Amino acid sequence: FYESEPPVAHFDLYRLDDPREVDEIGLHEAIDDGVALIEWPERLGTAGAEALSPDRLSVTLTTDGAGRRAHLAGHGAWVEKLKELHV
């Protein structure tokens, strides 16, 4: 956890062998209590992905020349929030 308000937790699921392991690492509690930054969310599988908040922001990084480009996708309430960012 990072010291912040709301609390922010980071999860790198690359080495997750079984989606049921998320119960052991406290992912559900982090989602309930604040913000969870999740790398490799596809490792959650179908059942684990259902635990994610319906109101979430997905960020996908791709290579762009010598740098990276961030692609944002809103889910739930984030759909409208992203529209507000576009001018």
Protein backbone atom coordinates (compact mmCIF):
# COMPACT_ATOMS: atom_id res chain seq x y z
CA PHE A 1 0.00 0.00 0.00
CA TYR A 2 1.07 3.55 -0.68
CA GLU A 3 0.42 6.11 2.02
CA SER A 4 -2.35 8.19 0.48
CA GLU A 5 -6.00 9.09 0.79
CA PRO A 6 -7.70 7.04 -0.48
CA PRO A 7 -5.28 4.15 0.08
CA VAL A 8 -3.57 2.92 -3.10
CA ALA A 9 -2.33 -0.65 -3.50
CA HIS A 10 -0.32 -2.09 -6.40
CA PHE A 11 -0.69 -5.69 -7.60
CA ASP A 12 1.51 -7.31 -10.24
CA LEU A 13 -0.32 -10.52 -11.14
CA TYR A 14 2.23 -11.77 -13.68
CA ARG A 15 3.29 -14.68 -11.46
CA LEU A 16 -0.24 -15.55 -10.37
CA ASP A 17 -0.62 -19.30 -10.95
CA ASP A 18 -4.29 -19.60 -10.02
CA PRO A 19 -6.91 -16.81 -9.98
CA ARG A 20 -8.03 -18.00 -6.54
CA GLU A 21 -4.70 -16.75 -5.15
CA VAL A 22 -6.04 -13.17 -5.20
CA ASP A 23 -7.79 -13.94 -1.92
CA GLU A 24 -4.38 -14.50 -0.34
CA ILE A 25 -2.84 -11.24 -1.57
CA GLY A 26 -5.62 -8.92 -0.39
CA LEU A 27 -6.87 -7.70 -3.77
CA HIS A 28 -10.54 -7.69 -2.78
CA GLU A 29 -9.83 -5.69 0.37
CA ALA A 30 -7.79 -3.15 -1.60
CA ILE A 31 -10.65 -2.68 -4.07
CA ASP A 32 -13.15 -2.26 -1.23
CA ASP A 33 -10.96 0.14 0.76
CA GLY A 34 -9.45 2.39 -1.91
CA VAL A 35 -7.66 2.19 -5.24
CA ALA A 36 -6.05 -0.92 -6.72
CA LEU A 37 -3.51 -0.62 -9.52
CA ILE A 38 -3.45 -4.02 -11.22
CA GLU A 39 -0.85 -5.19 -13.72
CA TRP A 40 -1.75 -8.25 -15.79
CA PRO A 41 -5.47 -8.25 -14.81
CA GLU A 42 -6.16 -10.94 -17.43
CA ARG A 43 -4.45 -13.36 -15.03
CA LEU A 44 -7.55 -13.08 -12.84
CA GLY A 45 -9.52 -15.26 -15.25
CA THR A 46 -13.26 -14.89 -15.76
CA ALA A 47 -14.27 -15.53 -12.15
CA GLY A 48 -11.63 -13.21 -10.73
CA ALA A 49 -12.42 -10.42 -13.18
CA GLU A 50 -15.98 -10.32 -11.84
CA ALA A 51 -14.53 -9.06 -8.54
CA LEU A 52 -13.25 -5.89 -10.22
CA SER A 53 -15.27 -2.77 -9.67
CA PRO A 54 -17.77 -2.03 -12.44
CA ASP A 55 -16.57 1.60 -12.14
CA ARG A 56 -12.97 1.36 -13.23
CA LEU A 57 -10.39 2.84 -15.56
CA SER A 58 -8.31 0.48 -17.68
CA VAL A 59 -4.94 1.71 -18.91
CA THR A 60 -3.12 -0.19 -21.65
CA LEU A 61 0.47 0.79 -22.48
CA THR A 62 1.81 0.19 -25.99
CA THR A 63 5.16 0.90 -27.56
CA ASP A 64 5.23 4.06 -29.66
CA GLY A 65 8.62 4.57 -31.26
CA ALA A 66 11.11 5.06 -28.45
CA GLY A 67 8.34 5.77 -25.94
CA ARG A 68 4.97 4.47 -24.82
CA ARG A 69 1.37 5.44 -25.44
CA ALA A 70 -1.35 5.06 -22.82
CA HIS A 71 -4.81 3.99 -24.00
CA LEU A 72 -7.62 4.69 -21.52
CA ALA A 73 -10.88 2.74 -21.41
CA GLY A 74 -13.65 3.64 -19.01
CA HIS A 75 -16.06 1.18 -17.44
CA GLY A 76 -19.21 2.16 -15.56
CA ALA A 77 -18.97 5.71 -14.20
CA TRP A 78 -15.58 6.15 -15.87
CA VAL A 79 -17.18 6.27 -19.32
CA GLU A 80 -18.62 9.72 -18.55
CA LYS A 81 -15.54 10.85 -16.65
CA LEU A 82 -13.39 10.18 -19.72
CA LYS A 83 -15.80 12.12 -21.94
CA GLU A 84 -15.31 15.11 -19.66
CA LEU A 85 -11.54 14.93 -20.25
CA HIS A 86 -11.89 15.16 -24.03
CA VAL A 87 -12.07 18.76 -25.23
